[in-house]
Amino acid sequence: MGMELNLLTVGLILVFLGFALAFISVLVMSFGGLRRGKKAKGGGIVMIGPIPIIFGTDKESLKVLMVLGIVLTVILFVFMFVLSRLL
């Protein structure tokens, strides 16, 4: 057997990289804000099934994240509809 990656391994690697990227971006944003004397702004989305949970530090971030949450929810429903037709 060679160095074959199955879908489970690829999925786990992508999840780990996503968490690492999120953690690193929070650190960079926090330290950058401290160095310049500015307040760090940001937010995030947690998708639990088709329901987006949105949090943020300011109104601008929340507006962008709400649009992103709606887009992700629509994409999820489109994929669910297409896959249900194919199976």
Protein backbone atom coordinates (compact mmCIF):
# COMPACT_ATOMS: atom_id res chain seq x y z
CA MET A 1 0.00 0.00 0.00
CA GLY A 2 1.21 3.48 -0.84
CA MET A 3 0.65 6.84 0.78
CA GLU A 4 -3.03 6.81 -0.04
CA LEU A 5 -5.29 9.36 1.71
CA ASN A 6 -8.89 8.43 2.22
CA LEU A 7 -11.70 10.95 2.64
CA LEU A 8 -11.71 10.64 6.43
CA THR A 9 -8.03 11.54 6.66
CA VAL A 10 -8.42 14.48 4.29
CA GLY A 11 -11.46 15.71 6.24
CA LEU A 12 -9.65 15.52 9.57
CA ILE A 13 -6.64 17.36 8.15
CA LEU A 14 -8.90 20.12 6.79
CA VAL A 15 -10.72 20.48 10.13
CA PHE A 16 -7.41 20.70 11.99
CA LEU A 17 -6.07 23.29 9.53
CA GLY A 18 -9.26 25.32 9.88
CA PHE A 19 -8.96 25.45 13.67
CA ALA A 20 -5.26 26.29 13.44
CA LEU A 21 -5.93 29.08 10.93
CA ALA A 22 -8.70 30.54 13.10
CA PHE A 23 -6.46 30.46 16.19
CA ILE A 24 -3.53 32.07 14.37
CA SER A 25 -5.74 34.79 12.88
CA VAL A 26 -7.11 35.68 16.32
CA LEU A 27 -3.58 35.96 17.69
CA VAL A 28 -2.37 38.10 14.78
CA MET A 29 -5.39 40.38 15.01
CA SER A 30 -5.05 40.78 18.78
CA PHE A 31 -1.31 41.48 18.78
CA GLY A 32 -1.63 43.84 15.80
CA GLY A 33 -4.27 45.85 17.62
CA LEU A 34 -2.19 46.03 20.77
CA ARG A 35 0.88 47.21 18.91
CA ARG A 36 -0.96 50.03 17.14
CA GLY A 37 -3.00 50.95 20.19
CA LYS A 38 -6.25 50.15 18.40
CA LYS A 39 -9.09 47.94 19.46
CA ALA A 40 -9.39 44.62 17.65
CA LYS A 41 -12.69 44.04 15.82
CA GLY A 42 -14.04 40.78 14.54
CA GLY A 43 -16.60 38.06 14.86
CA GLY A 44 -17.51 34.58 13.78
CA ILE A 45 -20.18 32.18 12.64
CA VAL A 46 -20.92 28.77 14.07
CA MET A 47 -23.13 26.72 11.77
CA ILE A 48 -25.19 24.12 13.64
CA GLY A 49 -26.92 22.35 10.80
CA PRO A 50 -28.72 25.02 8.79
CA ILE A 51 -28.82 27.48 11.71
CA PRO A 52 -26.08 30.12 11.85
CA ILE A 53 -25.03 31.45 15.26
CA ILE A 54 -23.35 34.81 14.75
CA PHE A 55 -21.22 36.78 17.21
CA GLY A 56 -19.05 39.84 16.84
CA THR A 57 -17.53 42.89 18.47
CA ASP A 58 -19.11 45.65 16.38
CA LYS A 59 -22.09 46.31 14.11
CA GLU A 60 -20.04 46.32 10.90
CA SER A 61 -18.69 42.83 11.58
CA LEU A 62 -22.15 41.56 12.44
CA LYS A 63 -23.66 42.90 9.21
CA VAL A 64 -21.03 41.16 7.09
CA LEU A 65 -21.37 37.94 9.08
CA MET A 66 -25.17 37.98 8.80
CA VAL A 67 -24.92 38.22 5.02
CA LEU A 68 -22.34 35.41 5.03
CA GLY A 69 -24.58 33.31 7.30
CA ILE A 70 -27.56 33.76 4.97
CA VAL A 71 -25.45 32.88 1.93
CA LEU A 72 -24.08 29.75 3.65
CA THR A 73 -27.59 28.69 4.68
CA VAL A 74 -28.91 29.12 1.13
CA ILE A 75 -25.95 27.14 -0.26
CA LEU A 76 -26.62 24.39 2.29
CA PHE A 77 -30.29 24.15 1.29
CA VAL A 78 -29.40 24.12 -2.42
CA PHE A 79 -26.92 21.28 -1.89
CA MET A 80 -29.45 19.36 0.22
CA PHE A 81 -32.11 19.79 -2.47
CA VAL A 82 -29.77 18.77 -5.31
CA LEU A 83 -28.43 15.75 -3.41
CA SER A 84 -31.93 14.59 -2.48
CA ARG A 85 -32.85 14.65 -6.19
CA LEU A 86 -29.74 12.67 -7.15
CA LEU A 87 -30.14 9.93 -4.54
